[in-house]
Amino acid sequence: MLALAFWSSAALFAAYILVFYIGALPAGTMQDWNKVLPRLYVPDAVPTTIAMAAHLVLGGILLLLGPIQFIGRLRQRAPSLHRWIGRVYGAAALGAGLGGLIFVLGRGTVGGPVMSAGFALYGVLMAVAATQTMRHGWCRRLHLHRAWAIRLFALVIGSWLYRMEYGLWLKLAGGMGHTRGFDGPFDLLMDFLFFVPNLIVAELLIRRGDSPLALALRRMGSVALYAAAGLVTLATFLFGRFYWIPHILARF
């Protein structure tokens, strides 16, 4: 149930990204990109627009494929399929990380230096985690491969959680601390909160051992995941009903 909640929400968000953002290319409605984040699309900035398009397309692919890689039965019964999906996943993660990084370095972000620093760090970490995951997988260092795969997945879902967390905050707190320039107190926290806590939970889940501390850490990670699943289910219902699904249907 926990995996189903995450995958269903991530898959719906991936469909929204691919239909709304990439669907704007043939529809000639690229300005729609700026409805959520201002200055995402600038007509005369072709290289960074291509980089962002790659980031969005590859990000959608990552959200669809990521949860599949953690299905134990698939790894056991179809290891070659797991490896091929992993290659696509790793390459897509590397491309998504570099695409976002190129965009930030080329154009900056609407929120200014702090937001640019947070997003650039996110892109670097994504590229590093993708590289390490693939490298250890090729070398059959399965323990390290698994650890880096968990870290990579924690980073991949960051862009999805960024939207979810903003949406919940706007609904529940009325957007307190958020400004249109994305430079308010809440915005500054969110420049890092959409991926740093994910990595902390990932490290808690990676840690093994039978010591009381190790067991306590794993329990903390599990509790955090179940709490997140509850929030994700609520946010998915709100986003799906009032935002993602209407935007998807509007393209058809």
Protein backbone atom coordinates (compact mmCIF):
# COMPACT_ATOMS: atom_id res chain seq x y z
CA MET A 1 0.00 0.00 0.00
CA LEU A 2 2.85 2.36 0.82
CA ALA A 3 4.53 1.79 -2.54
CA LEU A 4 1.19 2.01 -4.35
CA ALA A 5 0.43 5.42 -2.80
CA PHE A 6 3.77 6.84 -3.87
CA TRP A 7 3.74 5.31 -7.34
CA SER A 8 0.15 6.34 -8.12
CA SER A 9 0.84 9.93 -7.16
CA ALA A 10 4.21 10.05 -8.94
CA ALA A 11 2.71 8.48 -12.08
CA LEU A 12 -0.09 11.04 -12.16
CA PHE A 13 2.40 13.87 -11.72
CA ALA A 14 4.59 12.38 -14.47
CA ALA A 15 1.59 12.29 -16.81
CA TYR A 16 0.88 15.93 -15.95
CA ILE A 17 4.47 16.94 -16.71
CA LEU A 18 4.58 15.13 -20.04
CA VAL A 19 1.15 16.28 -21.21
CA PHE A 20 1.12 19.84 -19.88
CA TYR A 21 4.72 20.93 -20.37
CA ILE A 22 5.83 18.84 -23.32
CA GLY A 23 2.37 19.03 -24.87
CA ALA A 24 2.87 22.80 -25.02
CA LEU A 25 5.52 22.32 -27.75
CA PRO A 26 3.22 21.12 -30.55
CA ALA A 27 0.36 23.25 -29.22
CA GLY A 28 2.47 26.41 -29.40
CA THR A 29 1.55 27.40 -25.84
CA MET A 30 5.03 27.53 -24.29
CA GLN A 31 4.03 30.52 -22.18
CA ASP A 32 1.99 28.10 -20.08
CA TRP A 33 5.30 26.98 -18.55
CA ASN A 34 5.38 30.25 -16.62
CA LYS A 35 2.04 29.72 -14.86
CA VAL A 36 3.64 27.83 -11.98
CA LEU A 37 7.23 29.12 -11.99
CA PRO A 38 7.79 32.52 -13.63
CA ARG A 39 10.55 32.85 -16.25
CA LEU A 40 10.69 29.12 -16.86
CA TYR A 41 10.21 29.85 -20.56
CA VAL A 42 11.87 32.77 -22.32
CA PRO A 43 11.39 32.82 -26.12
CA ASP A 44 14.92 33.88 -27.07
CA ALA A 45 16.74 31.57 -24.60
CA VAL A 46 16.83 28.45 -26.76
CA PRO A 47 19.70 26.46 -25.08
CA THR A 48 18.29 26.75 -21.57
CA THR A 49 14.78 26.03 -22.82
CA ILE A 50 16.04 22.81 -24.40
CA ALA A 51 17.84 21.94 -21.16
CA MET A 52 14.65 22.50 -19.16
CA ALA A 53 12.58 20.49 -21.65
CA ALA A 54 15.04 17.60 -21.28
CA HIS A 55 14.87 17.95 -17.50
CA LEU A 56 11.06 17.77 -17.58
CA VAL A 57 10.81 14.85 -20.03
CA LEU A 58 13.45 12.80 -18.26
CA GLY A 59 11.94 13.68 -14.88
CA GLY A 60 8.59 12.25 -16.00
CA ILE A 61 10.30 9.04 -17.13
CA LEU A 62 12.10 8.78 -13.78
CA LEU A 63 8.90 9.08 -11.77
CA LEU A 64 7.32 6.28 -13.79
CA LEU A 65 10.28 3.88 -13.69
CA GLY A 66 11.70 4.51 -10.21
CA PRO A 67 9.25 2.53 -8.07
CA ILE A 68 9.42 -0.44 -10.47
CA GLN A 69 13.11 -0.92 -9.68
CA PHE A 70 12.35 -1.59 -6.00
CA ILE A 71 9.98 -4.51 -6.71
CA GLY A 72 11.83 -7.47 -5.24
CA ARG A 73 10.04 -10.10 -7.32
CA LEU A 74 10.98 -8.30 -10.55
CA ARG A 75 14.65 -8.26 -9.60
CA GLN A 76 14.55 -11.97 -8.77
CA ARG A 77 12.45 -13.26 -11.68
CA ALA A 78 13.55 -10.89 -14.44
CA PRO A 79 17.04 -9.61 -13.57
CA SER A 80 17.80 -8.66 -17.18
CA LEU A 81 14.68 -6.46 -17.30
CA HIS A 82 15.74 -4.88 -14.01
CA ARG A 83 19.17 -4.12 -15.47
CA TRP A 84 17.81 -2.61 -18.68
CA ILE A 85 15.27 -0.46 -16.85
CA GLY A 86 18.10 0.53 -14.50
CA ARG A 87 20.25 1.66 -17.41
CA VAL A 88 17.45 3.81 -18.79
CA TYR A 89 16.71 5.11 -15.29
CA GLY A 90 20.34 5.95 -14.55
CA ALA A 91 20.88 7.68 -17.90
CA ALA A 92 17.62 9.62 -17.49
CA ALA A 93 18.60 10.71 -13.97
CA LEU A 94 21.99 11.88 -15.17
CA GLY A 95 20.38 13.80 -18.04
CA ALA A 96 17.71 15.32 -15.80
CA GLY A 97 20.29 16.45 -13.25
CA LEU A 98 22.56 17.98 -15.88
CA GLY A 99 19.62 19.57 -17.71
CA GLY A 100 18.43 21.31 -14.56
CA LEU A 101 21.99 22.34 -13.70
CA ILE A 102 22.55 23.84 -17.17
CA PHE A 103 19.31 25.80 -16.83
CA VAL A 104 20.30 27.19 -13.42
CA LEU A 105 23.81 28.11 -14.52
CA GLY A 106 22.56 29.65 -17.75
CA ARG A 107 19.55 31.58 -16.51
CA GLY A 108 19.47 31.46 -12.74
CA THR A 109 16.14 31.07 -10.96
CA VAL A 110 13.23 33.35 -10.16
CA GLY A 111 14.03 33.13 -6.44
CA GLY A 112 17.54 34.59 -6.70
CA PRO A 113 20.92 33.34 -5.40
CA VAL A 114 19.63 31.10 -2.60
CA MET A 115 17.18 29.30 -4.86
CA SER A 116 19.83 28.99 -7.56
CA ALA A 117 22.30 27.52 -5.06
CA GLY A 118 19.76 25.00 -3.76
CA PHE A 119 18.65 23.91 -7.22
CA ALA A 120 22.23 23.72 -8.51
CA LEU A 121 23.21 21.54 -5.54
CA TYR A 122 20.22 19.34 -6.29
CA GLY A 123 21.34 18.93 -9.91
CA VAL A 124 24.91 18.07 -8.89
CA LEU A 125 23.75 15.50 -6.32
CA MET A 126 21.38 13.95 -8.85
CA ALA A 127 24.20 13.56 -11.40
CA VAL A 128 26.58 12.12 -8.77
CA ALA A 129 24.00 9.66 -7.44
CA ALA A 130 23.09 8.51 -10.97
CA THR A 131 26.74 7.99 -11.86
CA GLN A 132 27.50 6.09 -8.65
CA THR A 133 24.40 3.91 -8.97
CA MET A 134 25.31 2.86 -12.52
CA ARG A 135 29.02 2.47 -11.75
CA HIS A 136 28.51 0.15 -8.78
CA GLY A 137 25.86 -1.80 -10.69
CA TRP A 138 28.22 -2.42 -13.61
CA CYS A 139 30.95 -3.55 -11.21
CA ARG A 140 28.49 -5.87 -9.39
CA ARG A 141 29.08 -4.14 -6.05
CA LEU A 142 25.45 -4.78 -5.19
CA HIS A 143 25.52 -3.45 -1.62
CA LEU A 144 26.87 -0.08 -2.76
CA HIS A 145 24.64 -0.15 -5.84
CA ARG A 146 21.55 -0.56 -3.66
CA ALA A 147 22.62 2.23 -1.29
CA TRP A 148 23.20 4.70 -4.14
CA ALA A 149 19.96 3.62 -5.86
CA ILE A 150 18.04 4.53 -2.69
CA ARG A 151 19.79 7.90 -2.55
CA LEU A 152 19.04 8.49 -6.23
CA PHE A 153 15.36 7.64 -5.78
CA ALA A 154 15.20 10.00 -2.80
CA LEU A 155 16.52 12.78 -5.03
CA VAL A 156 14.34 11.90 -8.01
CA ILE A 157 11.12 12.32 -6.06
CA GLY A 158 12.32 15.75 -4.87
CA SER A 159 10.81 17.66 -7.80
CA TRP A 160 7.50 15.88 -7.26
CA LEU A 161 7.56 16.56 -3.51
CA TYR A 162 8.44 20.20 -4.20
CA ARG A 163 5.07 20.67 -5.92
CA MET A 164 3.24 18.62 -3.32
CA GLU A 165 4.72 20.48 -0.36
CA TYR A 166 4.04 23.87 -1.92
CA GLY A 167 0.48 22.88 -2.72
CA LEU A 168 -0.21 21.66 0.81
CA TRP A 169 1.36 24.77 2.32
CA LEU A 170 -0.71 27.08 0.11
CA LYS A 171 -3.89 25.20 1.01
CA LEU A 172 -3.28 24.67 4.74
CA ALA A 173 -1.30 27.80 5.68
CA GLY A 174 -2.59 30.20 3.07
CA GLY A 175 0.88 30.60 1.58
CA MET A 176 2.34 32.24 4.68
CA GLY A 177 6.00 33.07 4.05
CA HIS A 178 5.64 32.67 0.28
CA THR A 179 6.08 35.55 -2.16
CA ARG A 180 5.52 35.84 -5.91
CA GLY A 181 9.27 36.27 -6.27
CA PHE A 182 9.90 33.01 -4.39
CA ASP A 183 12.15 34.79 -1.92
CA GLY A 184 10.02 34.70 1.23
CA PRO A 185 10.99 32.79 4.41
CA PHE A 186 9.08 29.67 3.37
CA ASP A 187 10.53 29.86 -0.14
CA LEU A 188 14.08 30.04 1.19
CA LEU A 189 13.50 26.93 3.31
CA MET A 190 11.95 25.09 0.40
CA ASP A 191 15.04 25.73 -1.73
CA PHE A 192 16.61 22.86 0.24
CA LEU A 193 13.76 21.11 2.06
CA PHE A 194 12.49 19.40 -1.08
CA PHE A 195 15.51 17.10 -1.20
CA VAL A 196 17.62 17.27 2.01
CA PRO A 197 15.05 15.50 4.27
CA ASN A 198 14.63 12.85 1.55
CA LEU A 199 18.35 12.09 1.73
CA ILE A 200 18.22 11.90 5.52
CA VAL A 201 15.39 9.34 5.37
CA ALA A 202 17.33 7.44 2.69
CA GLU A 203 20.38 7.22 4.96
CA LEU A 204 18.20 5.96 7.80
CA LEU A 205 16.85 3.19 5.58
CA ILE A 206 20.30 2.28 4.23
CA ARG A 207 21.87 1.79 7.64
CA ARG A 208 22.04 -1.86 8.61
CA GLY A 209 22.96 -3.65 11.81
CA ASP A 210 21.36 -5.12 14.89
CA SER A 211 22.42 -2.49 17.38
CA PRO A 212 19.66 -0.62 19.23
CA LEU A 213 20.70 2.60 17.48
CA ALA A 214 20.52 1.01 14.01
CA LEU A 215 17.10 -0.49 14.74
CA ALA A 216 15.84 2.83 16.08
CA LEU A 217 17.10 4.65 13.00
CA ARG A 218 15.37 2.21 10.66
CA ARG A 219 12.13 2.56 12.62
CA MET A 220 12.39 6.34 12.37
CA GLY A 221 12.83 6.04 8.61
CA SER A 222 9.83 3.73 8.32
CA VAL A 223 7.62 6.02 10.41
CA ALA A 224 8.68 8.99 8.28
CA LEU A 225 7.75 7.08 5.12
CA TYR A 226 4.29 6.17 6.41
CA ALA A 227 3.66 9.74 7.53
CA ALA A 228 4.75 10.96 4.12
CA ALA A 229 2.44 8.43 2.46
CA GLY A 230 -0.53 9.92 4.33
CA LEU A 231 0.35 13.44 3.24
CA VAL A 232 0.99 12.25 -0.31
CA THR A 233 -2.44 10.59 -0.49
CA LEU A 234 -4.15 13.78 0.67
CA ALA A 235 -2.11 16.02 -1.61
CA THR A 236 -2.60 13.72 -4.59
CA PHE A 237 -6.36 13.86 -4.17
CA LEU A 238 -6.33 17.66 -4.03
CA PHE A 239 -3.83 18.14 -6.85
CA GLY A 240 -5.33 15.44 -9.04
CA ARG A 241 -8.89 16.66 -8.75
CA PHE A 242 -8.34 20.39 -8.97
CA TYR A 243 -5.11 20.79 -10.94
CA TRP A 244 -3.29 17.88 -12.62
CA ILE A 245 -6.25 16.03 -14.17
CA PRO A 246 -7.99 19.22 -15.45
CA HIS A 247 -4.71 20.36 -17.05
CA ILE A 248 -4.18 16.94 -18.63
CA LEU A 249 -7.72 16.83 -20.02
CA ALA A 250 -7.39 20.38 -21.35
CA ARG A 251 -4.75 19.16 -23.84
CA PHE A 252 -7.22 16.79 -25.49
